[in-house]
Amino acid sequence: FVDAVVAGTVARAAWQMAPGDDWTESLSALATKVAADGGG
């Protein structure tokens, strides 16, 4: 899923966080990668 998003392919997911997972850390990493590659 991450590879598809970074590559610019349309991917849609219903994400259920695992117990104890910090959703902000996972999202910030993916968002930063997309933005650094020129995406909004």
PDB file of all heavy atoms in Angstrom:
ATOM      1  N   PHE A   1       0.831  -1.200   0.000  1.00  0.00           N
ATOM      2  CA  PHE A   1       0.000   0.000   0.000  1.00  0.00           C
ATOM      3  C   PHE A   1       0.868   1.253   0.000  1.00  0.00           C
ATOM      4  O   PHE A   1       0.627   2.195  -0.780  1.00  0.00           O
ATOM      5  CB  PHE A   1      -0.921   0.001   1.212  1.00  0.00           C
ATOM      6  CG  PHE A   1      -1.706   1.281   1.389  1.00  0.00           C
ATOM      7  CD1 PHE A   1      -2.794   1.557   0.586  1.00  0.00           C
ATOM      8  CD2 PHE A   1      -1.330   2.219   2.346  1.00  0.00           C
ATOM      9  CE1 PHE A   1      -3.512   2.744   0.728  1.00  0.00           C
ATOM     10  CE2 PHE A   1      -2.034   3.401   2.498  1.00  0.00           C
ATOM     11  CZ  PHE A   1      -3.130   3.659   1.688  1.00  0.00           C
ATOM     12  N   VAL A   2       1.882   1.280   0.849  1.00  0.00           N
ATOM     13  CA  VAL A   2       2.787   2.430   0.912  1.00  0.00           C
ATOM     14  C   VAL A   2       3.490   2.627  -0.428  1.00  0.00           C
ATOM     15  O   VAL A   2       3.613   3.759  -0.924  1.00  0.00           O
ATOM     16  CB  VAL A   2       3.800   2.245   2.055  1.00  0.00           C
ATOM     17  CG1 VAL A   2       4.920   3.278   1.955  1.00  0.00           C
ATOM     18  CG2 VAL A   2       3.112   2.353   3.402  1.00  0.00           C
ATOM     19  N   ASP A   3       3.950   1.542  -1.032  1.00  0.00           N
ATOM     20  CA  ASP A   3       4.633   1.642  -2.325  1.00  0.00           C
ATOM     21  C   ASP A   3       3.711   2.251  -3.380  1.00  0.00           C
ATOM     22  O   ASP A   3       4.141   3.070  -4.199  1.00  0.00           O
ATOM     23  CB  ASP A   3       5.097   0.261  -2.782  1.00  0.00           C
ATOM     24  CG  ASP A   3       6.226  -0.290  -1.918  1.00  0.00           C
ATOM     25  OD1 ASP A   3       6.868   0.515  -1.218  1.00  0.00           O
ATOM     26  OD2 ASP A   3       6.452  -1.519  -1.942  1.00  0.00           O
ATOM     27  N   ALA A   4       2.438   1.853  -3.360  1.00  0.00           N
ATOM     28  CA  ALA A   4       1.486   2.383  -4.338  1.00  0.00           C
ATOM     29  C   ALA A   4       1.250   3.869  -4.129  1.00  0.00           C
ATOM     30  O   ALA A   4       1.219   4.651  -5.089  1.00  0.00           O
ATOM     31  CB  ALA A   4       0.166   1.614  -4.241  1.00  0.00           C
ATOM     32  N   VAL A   5       1.094   4.287  -2.885  1.00  0.00           N
ATOM     33  CA  VAL A   5       0.853   5.705  -2.593  1.00  0.00           C
ATOM     34  C   VAL A   5       2.053   6.544  -3.009  1.00  0.00           C
ATOM     35  O   VAL A   5       1.908   7.599  -3.655  1.00  0.00           O
ATOM     36  CB  VAL A   5       0.550   5.901  -1.094  1.00  0.00           C
ATOM     37  CG1 VAL A   5       0.478   7.381  -0.751  1.00  0.00           C
ATOM     38  CG2 VAL A   5      -0.752   5.215  -0.710  1.00  0.00           C
ATOM     39  N   VAL A   6       3.248   6.089  -2.657  1.00  0.00           N
ATOM     40  CA  VAL A   6       4.462   6.844  -2.989  1.00  0.00           C
ATOM     41  C   VAL A   6       4.663   6.925  -4.497  1.00  0.00           C
ATOM     42  O   VAL A   6       5.114   7.951  -5.030  1.00  0.00           O
ATOM     43  CB  VAL A   6       5.689   6.198  -2.307  1.00  0.00           C
ATOM     44  CG1 VAL A   6       6.980   6.851  -2.790  1.00  0.00           C
ATOM     45  CG2 VAL A   6       5.573   6.318  -0.789  1.00  0.00           C
ATOM     46  N   ALA A   7       4.282   5.857  -5.208  1.00  0.00           N
ATOM     47  CA  ALA A   7       4.451   5.835  -6.658  1.00  0.00           C
ATOM     48  C   ALA A   7       3.405   6.666  -7.386  1.00  0.00           C
ATOM     49  O   ALA A   7       3.495   6.854  -8.600  1.00  0.00           O
ATOM     50  CB  ALA A   7       4.408   4.389  -7.154  1.00  0.00           C
ATOM     51  N   GLY A   8       2.387   7.158  -6.663  1.00  0.00           N
ATOM     52  CA  GLY A   8       1.345   7.963  -7.287  1.00  0.00           C
ATOM     53  C   GLY A   8       0.182   7.159  -7.810  1.00  0.00           C
ATOM     54  O   GLY A   8      -0.727   7.712  -8.447  1.00  0.00           O
ATOM     55  N   THR A   9       0.167   5.847  -7.540  1.00  0.00           N
ATOM     56  CA  THR A   9      -0.962   5.009  -7.929  1.00  0.00           C
ATOM     57  C   THR A   9      -2.115   5.239  -6.954  1.00  0.00           C
ATOM     58  O   THR A   9      -1.892   5.403  -5.753  1.00  0.00           O
ATOM     59  CB  THR A   9      -0.564   3.522  -7.900  1.00  0.00           C
ATOM     60  OG1 THR A   9       0.588   3.335  -8.726  1.00  0.00           O
ATOM     61  CG2 THR A   9      -1.696   2.636  -8.391  1.00  0.00           C
ATOM     62  N   VAL A  10      -3.338   5.255  -7.448  1.00  0.00           N
ATOM     63  CA  VAL A  10      -4.491   5.462  -6.574  1.00  0.00           C
ATOM     64  C   VAL A  10      -4.724   4.201  -5.745  1.00  0.00           C
ATOM     65  O   VAL A  10      -4.981   3.125  -6.280  1.00  0.00           O
ATOM     66  CB  VAL A  10      -5.755   5.797  -7.387  1.00  0.00           C
ATOM     67  CG1 VAL A  10      -6.953   5.953  -6.459  1.00  0.00           C
ATOM     68  CG2 VAL A  10      -5.538   7.077  -8.186  1.00  0.00           C
ATOM     69  N   ALA A  11      -4.597   4.344  -4.436  1.00  0.00           N
ATOM     70  CA  ALA A  11      -4.830   3.227  -3.506  1.00  0.00           C
ATOM     71  C   ALA A  11      -5.687   3.747  -2.366  1.00  0.00           C
ATOM     72  O   ALA A  11      -5.427   4.830  -1.828  1.00  0.00           O
ATOM     73  CB  ALA A  11      -3.507   2.680  -2.984  1.00  0.00           C
ATOM     74  N   ARG A  12      -6.699   2.982  -1.995  1.00  0.00           N
ATOM     75  CA  ARG A  12      -7.609   3.416  -0.929  1.00  0.00           C
ATOM     76  C   ARG A  12      -7.698   2.318   0.123  1.00  0.00           C
ATOM     77  O   ARG A  12      -7.910   1.151  -0.224  1.00  0.00           O
ATOM     78  CB  ARG A  12      -8.998   3.727  -1.496  1.00  0.00           C
ATOM     79  CG  ARG A  12      -8.992   4.744  -2.632  1.00  0.00           C
ATOM     80  CD  ARG A  12     -10.397   5.032  -3.116  1.00  0.00           C
ATOM     81  NE  ARG A  12     -10.416   5.985  -4.223  1.00  0.00           N
ATOM     82  CZ  ARG A  12     -10.621   5.650  -5.489  1.00  0.00           C
ATOM     83  NH1 ARG A  12     -10.847   4.375  -5.808  1.00  0.00           N
ATOM     84  NH2 ARG A  12     -10.629   6.561  -6.438  1.00  0.00           N
ATOM     85  N   ALA A  13      -7.578   2.704   1.401  1.00  0.00           N
ATOM     86  CA  ALA A  13      -7.528   1.698   2.454  1.00  0.00           C
ATOM     87  C   ALA A  13      -8.321   2.125   3.682  1.00  0.00           C
ATOM     88  O   ALA A  13      -8.317   3.300   4.068  1.00  0.00           O
ATOM     89  CB  ALA A  13      -6.076   1.423   2.864  1.00  0.00           C
ATOM     90  N   ALA A  14      -9.000   1.139   4.283  1.00  0.00           N
ATOM     91  CA  ALA A  14      -9.639   1.312   5.593  1.00  0.00           C
ATOM     92  C   ALA A  14      -8.647   0.789   6.617  1.00  0.00           C
ATOM     93  O   ALA A  14      -8.422  -0.425   6.715  1.00  0.00           O
ATOM     94  CB  ALA A  14     -10.947   0.531   5.650  1.00  0.00           C
ATOM     95  N   TRP A  15      -8.052   1.696   7.364  1.00  0.00           N
ATOM     96  CA  TRP A  15      -6.933   1.367   8.248  1.00  0.00           C
ATOM     97  C   TRP A  15      -7.409   1.263   9.685  1.00  0.00           C
ATOM     98  O   TRP A  15      -7.901   2.231  10.253  1.00  0.00           O
ATOM     99  CB  TRP A  15      -5.857   2.453   8.104  1.00  0.00           C
ATOM    100  CG  TRP A  15      -4.676   2.313   8.999  1.00  0.00           C
ATOM    101  CD1 TRP A  15      -4.058   1.159   9.385  1.00  0.00           C
ATOM    102  CD2 TRP A  15      -3.946   3.379   9.634  1.00  0.00           C
ATOM    103  NE1 TRP A  15      -2.991   1.427  10.202  1.00  0.00           N
ATOM    104  CE2 TRP A  15      -2.901   2.787  10.370  1.00  0.00           C
ATOM    105  CE3 TRP A  15      -4.080   4.761   9.638  1.00  0.00           C
ATOM    106  CZ2 TRP A  15      -1.986   3.545  11.119  1.00  0.00           C
ATOM    107  CZ3 TRP A  15      -3.180   5.519  10.364  1.00  0.00           C
ATOM    108  CH2 TRP A  15      -2.145   4.911  11.100  1.00  0.00           C
ATOM    109  N   GLN A  16      -7.265   0.068  10.256  1.00  0.00           N
ATOM    110  CA  GLN A  16      -7.567  -0.142  11.668  1.00  0.00           C
ATOM    111  C   GLN A  16      -6.258  -0.322  12.416  1.00  0.00           C
ATOM    112  O   GLN A  16      -5.547  -1.315  12.218  1.00  0.00           O
ATOM    113  CB  GLN A  16      -8.473  -1.373  11.864  1.00  0.00           C
ATOM    114  CG  GLN A  16      -9.936  -1.024  11.976  1.00  0.00           C
ATOM    115  CD  GLN A  16     -10.439  -0.123  10.857  1.00  0.00           C
ATOM    116  OE1 GLN A  16     -10.471  -0.511   9.698  1.00  0.00           O
ATOM    117  NE2 GLN A  16     -10.834   1.089  11.200  1.00  0.00           N
ATOM    118  N   MET A  17      -5.934   0.660  13.271  1.00  0.00           N
ATOM    119  CA  MET A  17      -4.652   0.631  13.958  1.00  0.00           C
ATOM    120  C   MET A  17      -4.574  -0.531  14.931  1.00  0.00           C
ATOM    121  O   MET A  17      -5.550  -0.864  15.602  1.00  0.00           O
ATOM    122  CB  MET A  17      -4.423   1.931  14.721  1.00  0.00           C
ATOM    123  CG  MET A  17      -4.149   3.114  13.820  1.00  0.00           C
ATOM    124  SD  MET A  17      -5.633   4.051  13.479  1.00  0.00           S
ATOM    125  CE  MET A  17      -5.864   4.844  15.053  1.00  0.00           C
ATOM    126  N   ALA A  18      -3.397  -1.128  14.992  1.00  0.00           N
ATOM    127  CA  ALA A  18      -3.155  -2.199  15.951  1.00  0.00           C
ATOM    128  C   ALA A  18      -3.073  -1.605  17.349  1.00  0.00           C
ATOM    129  O   ALA A  18      -2.742  -0.417  17.519  1.00  0.00           O
ATOM    130  CB  ALA A  18      -1.859  -2.933  15.612  1.00  0.00           C
ATOM    131  N   PRO A  19      -3.382  -2.387  18.386  1.00  0.00           N
ATOM    132  CA  PRO A  19      -3.326  -1.872  19.762  1.00  0.00           C
ATOM    133  C   PRO A  19      -1.946  -1.295  20.084  1.00  0.00           C
ATOM    134  O   PRO A  19      -0.920  -1.882  19.735  1.00  0.00           O
ATOM    135  CB  PRO A  19      -3.614  -3.116  20.615  1.00  0.00           C
ATOM    136  CG  PRO A  19      -4.323  -4.051  19.704  1.00  0.00           C
ATOM    137  CD  PRO A  19      -3.798  -3.792  18.336  1.00  0.00           C
ATOM    138  N   GLY A  20      -1.942  -0.150  20.717  1.00  0.00           N
ATOM    139  CA  GLY A  20      -0.692   0.475  21.118  1.00  0.00           C
ATOM    140  C   GLY A  20       0.022   1.222  20.015  1.00  0.00           C
ATOM    141  O   GLY A  20       1.037   1.873  20.260  1.00  0.00           O
ATOM    142  N   ASP A  21      -0.479   1.156  18.781  1.00  0.00           N
ATOM    143  CA  ASP A  21       0.173   1.829  17.657  1.00  0.00           C
ATOM    144  C   ASP A  21      -0.113   3.327  17.721  1.00  0.00           C
ATOM    145  O   ASP A  21      -1.252   3.738  17.934  1.00  0.00           O
ATOM    146  CB  ASP A  21      -0.344   1.250  16.339  1.00  0.00           C
ATOM    147  CG  ASP A  21       0.625   1.493  15.190  1.00  0.00           C
ATOM    148  OD1 ASP A  21       1.632   2.177  15.411  1.00  0.00           O
ATOM    149  OD2 ASP A  21       0.368   0.997  14.078  1.00  0.00           O
ATOM    150  N   ASP A  22       0.921   4.134  17.530  1.00  0.00           N
ATOM    151  CA  ASP A  22       0.759   5.592  17.485  1.00  0.00           C
ATOM    152  C   ASP A  22       0.451   5.987  16.041  1.00  0.00           C
ATOM    153  O   ASP A  22       1.337   6.001  15.179  1.00  0.00           O
ATOM    154  CB  ASP A  22       2.030   6.282  17.975  1.00  0.00           C
ATOM    155  CG  ASP A  22       1.856   7.790  18.137  1.00  0.00           C
ATOM    156  OD1 ASP A  22       0.912   8.347  17.541  1.00  0.00           O
ATOM    157  OD2 ASP A  22       2.648   8.404  18.868  1.00  0.00           O
ATOM    158  N   TRP A  23      -0.806   6.300  15.778  1.00  0.00           N
ATOM    159  CA  TRP A  23      -1.220   6.599  14.409  1.00  0.00           C
ATOM    160  C   TRP A  23      -0.519   7.828  13.846  1.00  0.00           C
ATOM    161  O   TRP A  23      -0.281   7.920  12.637  1.00  0.00           O
ATOM    162  CB  TRP A  23      -2.733   6.775  14.332  1.00  0.00           C
ATOM    163  CG  TRP A  23      -3.296   7.872  15.186  1.00  0.00           C
ATOM    164  CD1 TRP A  23      -3.665   7.778  16.493  1.00  0.00           C
ATOM    165  CD2 TRP A  23      -3.544   9.222  14.806  1.00  0.00           C
ATOM    166  NE1 TRP A  23      -4.137   8.985  16.951  1.00  0.00           N
ATOM    167  CE2 TRP A  23      -4.080   9.892  15.940  1.00  0.00           C
ATOM    168  CE3 TRP A  23      -3.385   9.929  13.619  1.00  0.00           C
ATOM    169  CZ2 TRP A  23      -4.444  11.240  15.904  1.00  0.00           C
ATOM    170  CZ3 TRP A  23      -3.747  11.275  13.588  1.00  0.00           C
ATOM    171  CH2 TRP A  23      -4.266  11.908  14.723  1.00  0.00           C
ATOM    172  N   THR A  24      -0.144   8.759  14.721  1.00  0.00           N
ATOM    173  CA  THR A  24       0.508   9.977  14.225  1.00  0.00           C
ATOM    174  C   THR A  24       1.900   9.674  13.677  1.00  0.00           C
ATOM    175  O   THR A  24       2.331  10.297  12.703  1.00  0.00           O
ATOM    176  CB  THR A  24       0.614  11.026  15.342  1.00  0.00           C
ATOM    177  OG1 THR A  24       1.426  10.519  16.409  1.00  0.00           O
ATOM    178  CG2 THR A  24      -0.762  11.379  15.887  1.00  0.00           C
ATOM    179  N   GLU A  25       2.614   8.719  14.277  1.00  0.00           N
ATOM    180  CA  GLU A  25       3.953   8.386  13.804  1.00  0.00           C
ATOM    181  C   GLU A  25       3.896   7.742  12.426  1.00  0.00           C
ATOM    182  O   GLU A  25       4.666   8.085  11.527  1.00  0.00           O
ATOM    183  CB  GLU A  25       4.637   7.444  14.804  1.00  0.00           C
ATOM    184  CG  GLU A  25       4.867   8.034  16.191  1.00  0.00           C
ATOM    185  CD  GLU A  25       5.865   9.184  16.183  1.00  0.00           C
ATOM    186  OE1 GLU A  25       6.692   9.257  15.255  1.00  0.00           O
ATOM    187  OE2 GLU A  25       5.814  10.025  17.099  1.00  0.00           O
ATOM    188  N   SER A  26       2.971   6.789  12.253  1.00  0.00           N
ATOM    189  CA  SER A  26       2.854   6.113  10.956  1.00  0.00           C
ATOM    190  C   SER A  26       2.423   7.087   9.865  1.00  0.00           C
ATOM    191  O   SER A  26       2.972   7.088   8.753  1.00  0.00           O
ATOM    192  CB  SER A  26       1.855   4.958  11.061  1.00  0.00           C
ATOM    193  OG  SER A  26       2.277   3.997  12.000  1.00  0.00           O
ATOM    194  N   LEU A  27       1.433   7.924  10.174  1.00  0.00           N
ATOM    195  CA  LEU A  27       0.940   8.873   9.175  1.00  0.00           C
ATOM    196  C   LEU A  27       1.979   9.938   8.835  1.00  0.00           C
ATOM    197  O   LEU A  27       2.123  10.323   7.673  1.00  0.00           O
ATOM    198  CB  LEU A  27      -0.327   9.554   9.676  1.00  0.00           C
ATOM    199  CG  LEU A  27      -1.665   8.899   9.365  1.00  0.00           C
ATOM    200  CD1 LEU A  27      -2.802   9.805   9.782  1.00  0.00           C
ATOM    201  CD2 LEU A  27      -1.784   8.551   7.888  1.00  0.00           C
ATOM    202  N   SER A  28       2.699  10.420   9.835  1.00  0.00           N
ATOM    203  CA  SER A  28       3.692  11.465   9.576  1.00  0.00           C
ATOM    204  C   SER A  28       4.796  10.950   8.662  1.00  0.00           C
ATOM    205  O   SER A  28       5.281  11.683   7.786  1.00  0.00           O
ATOM    206  CB  SER A  28       4.283  11.981  10.889  1.00  0.00           C
ATOM    207  OG  SER A  28       4.975  10.952  11.584  1.00  0.00           O
ATOM    208  N   ALA A  29       5.190   9.688   8.823  1.00  0.00           N
ATOM    209  CA  ALA A  29       6.229   9.122   7.965  1.00  0.00           C
ATOM    210  C   ALA A  29       5.750   9.032   6.514  1.00  0.00           C
ATOM    211  O   ALA A  29       6.457   9.430   5.581  1.00  0.00           O
ATOM    212  CB  ALA A  29       6.631   7.741   8.483  1.00  0.00           C
ATOM    213  N   LEU A  30       4.531   8.502   6.308  1.00  0.00           N
ATOM    214  CA  LEU A  30       4.009   8.364   4.948  1.00  0.00           C
ATOM    215  C   LEU A  30       3.752   9.731   4.318  1.00  0.00           C
ATOM    216  O   LEU A  30       4.072   9.958   3.142  1.00  0.00           O
ATOM    217  CB  LEU A  30       2.725   7.537   4.978  1.00  0.00           C
ATOM    218  CG  LEU A  30       2.036   7.297   3.623  1.00  0.00           C
ATOM    219  CD1 LEU A  30       2.990   6.625   2.646  1.00  0.00           C
ATOM    220  CD2 LEU A  30       0.772   6.470   3.807  1.00  0.00           C
ATOM    221  N   ALA A  31       3.181  10.658   5.085  1.00  0.00           N
ATOM    222  CA  ALA A  31       2.895  11.997   4.562  1.00  0.00           C
ATOM    223  C   ALA A  31       4.177  12.712   4.153  1.00  0.00           C
ATOM    224  O   ALA A  31       4.233  13.375   3.107  1.00  0.00           O
ATOM    225  CB  ALA A  31       2.141  12.810   5.608  1.00  0.00           C
ATOM    226  N   THR A  32       5.206  12.584   4.966  1.00  0.00           N
ATOM    227  CA  THR A  32       6.484  13.231   4.654  1.00  0.00           C
ATOM    228  C   THR A  32       7.090  12.665   3.376  1.00  0.00           C
ATOM    229  O   THR A  32       7.614  13.402   2.536  1.00  0.00           O
ATOM    230  CB  THR A  32       7.458  13.054   5.825  1.00  0.00           C
ATOM    231  OG1 THR A  32       6.906  13.660   6.996  1.00  0.00           O
ATOM    232  CG2 THR A  32       8.796  13.688   5.519  1.00  0.00           C
ATOM    233  N   LYS A  33       7.017  11.353   3.219  1.00  0.00           N
ATOM    234  CA  LYS A  33       7.564  10.721   2.015  1.00  0.00           C
ATOM    235  C   LYS A  33       6.838  11.217   0.767  1.00  0.00           C
ATOM    236  O   LYS A  33       7.481  11.542  -0.246  1.00  0.00           O
ATOM    237  CB  LYS A  33       7.430   9.201   2.145  1.00  0.00           C
ATOM    238  CG  LYS A  33       7.971   8.426   0.949  1.00  0.00           C
ATOM    239  CD  LYS A  33       9.465   8.620   0.774  1.00  0.00           C
ATOM    240  CE  LYS A  33      10.010   7.771  -0.362  1.00  0.00           C
ATOM    241  NZ  LYS A  33      11.446   8.056  -0.631  1.00  0.00           N
ATOM    242  N   VAL A  34       5.515  11.299   0.826  1.00  0.00           N
ATOM    243  CA  VAL A  34       4.734  11.770  -0.326  1.00  0.00           C
ATOM    244  C   VAL A  34       5.062  13.231  -0.638  1.00  0.00           C
ATOM    245  O   VAL A  34       5.260  13.606  -1.793  1.00  0.00           O
ATOM    246  CB  VAL A  34       3.229  11.594  -0.063  1.00  0.00           C
ATOM    247  CG1 VAL A  34       2.403  12.239  -1.163  1.00  0.00           C
ATOM    248  CG2 VAL A  34       2.872  10.117   0.052  1.00  0.00           C
ATOM    249  N   ALA A  35       5.115  14.068   0.411  1.00  0.00           N
ATOM    250  CA  ALA A  35       5.395  15.493   0.203  1.00  0.00           C
ATOM    251  C   ALA A  35       6.811  15.707  -0.325  1.00  0.00           C
ATOM    252  O   ALA A  35       7.032  16.557  -1.196  1.00  0.00           O
ATOM    253  CB  ALA A  35       5.195  16.255   1.505  1.00  0.00           C
ATOM    254  N   ALA A  36       7.772  14.944   0.184  1.00  0.00           N
ATOM    255  CA  ALA A  36       9.156  15.083  -0.268  1.00  0.00           C
ATOM    256  C   ALA A  36       9.309  14.706  -1.732  1.00  0.00           C
ATOM    257  O   ALA A  36      10.195  15.209  -2.427  1.00  0.00           O
ATOM    258  CB  ALA A  36      10.078  14.227   0.599  1.00  0.00           C
ATOM    259  N   ASP A  37       8.431  13.836  -2.221  1.00  0.00           N
ATOM    260  CA  ASP A  37       8.464  13.427  -3.632  1.00  0.00           C
ATOM    261  C   ASP A  37       7.646  14.351  -4.528  1.00  0.00           C
ATOM    262  O   ASP A  37       7.450  14.056  -5.705  1.00  0.00           O
ATOM    263  CB  ASP A  37       7.946  11.997  -3.766  1.00  0.00           C
ATOM    264  CG  ASP A  37       8.931  10.972  -3.204  1.00  0.00           C
ATOM    265  OD1 ASP A  37      10.092  11.355  -2.941  1.00  0.00           O
ATOM    266  OD2 ASP A  37       8.542   9.804  -3.020  1.00  0.00           O
ATOM    267  N   GLY A  38       7.115  15.437  -3.958  1.00  0.00           N
ATOM    268  CA  GLY A  38       6.411  16.424  -4.757  1.00  0.00           C
ATOM    269  C   GLY A  38       4.900  16.341  -4.726  1.00  0.00           C
ATOM    270  O   GLY A  38       4.223  17.127  -5.388  1.00  0.00           O
ATOM    271  N   GLY A  39       4.346  15.408  -3.964  1.00  0.00           N
ATOM    272  CA  GLY A  39       2.897  15.266  -3.893  1.00  0.00           C
ATOM    273  C   GLY A  39       2.290  16.065  -2.763  1.00  0.00           C
ATOM    274  O   GLY A  39       2.956  16.421  -1.792  1.00  0.00           O
ATOM    275  N   GLY A  40       0.994  16.360  -2.892  1.00  0.00           N
ATOM    276  CA  GLY A  40       0.266  17.057  -1.840  1.00  0.00           C
ATOM    277  C   GLY A  40      -0.383  16.072  -0.888  1.00  0.00           C
ATOM    278  O   GLY A  40      -0.812  14.984  -1.297  1.00  0.00           O
TER     279      GLY A  40
END
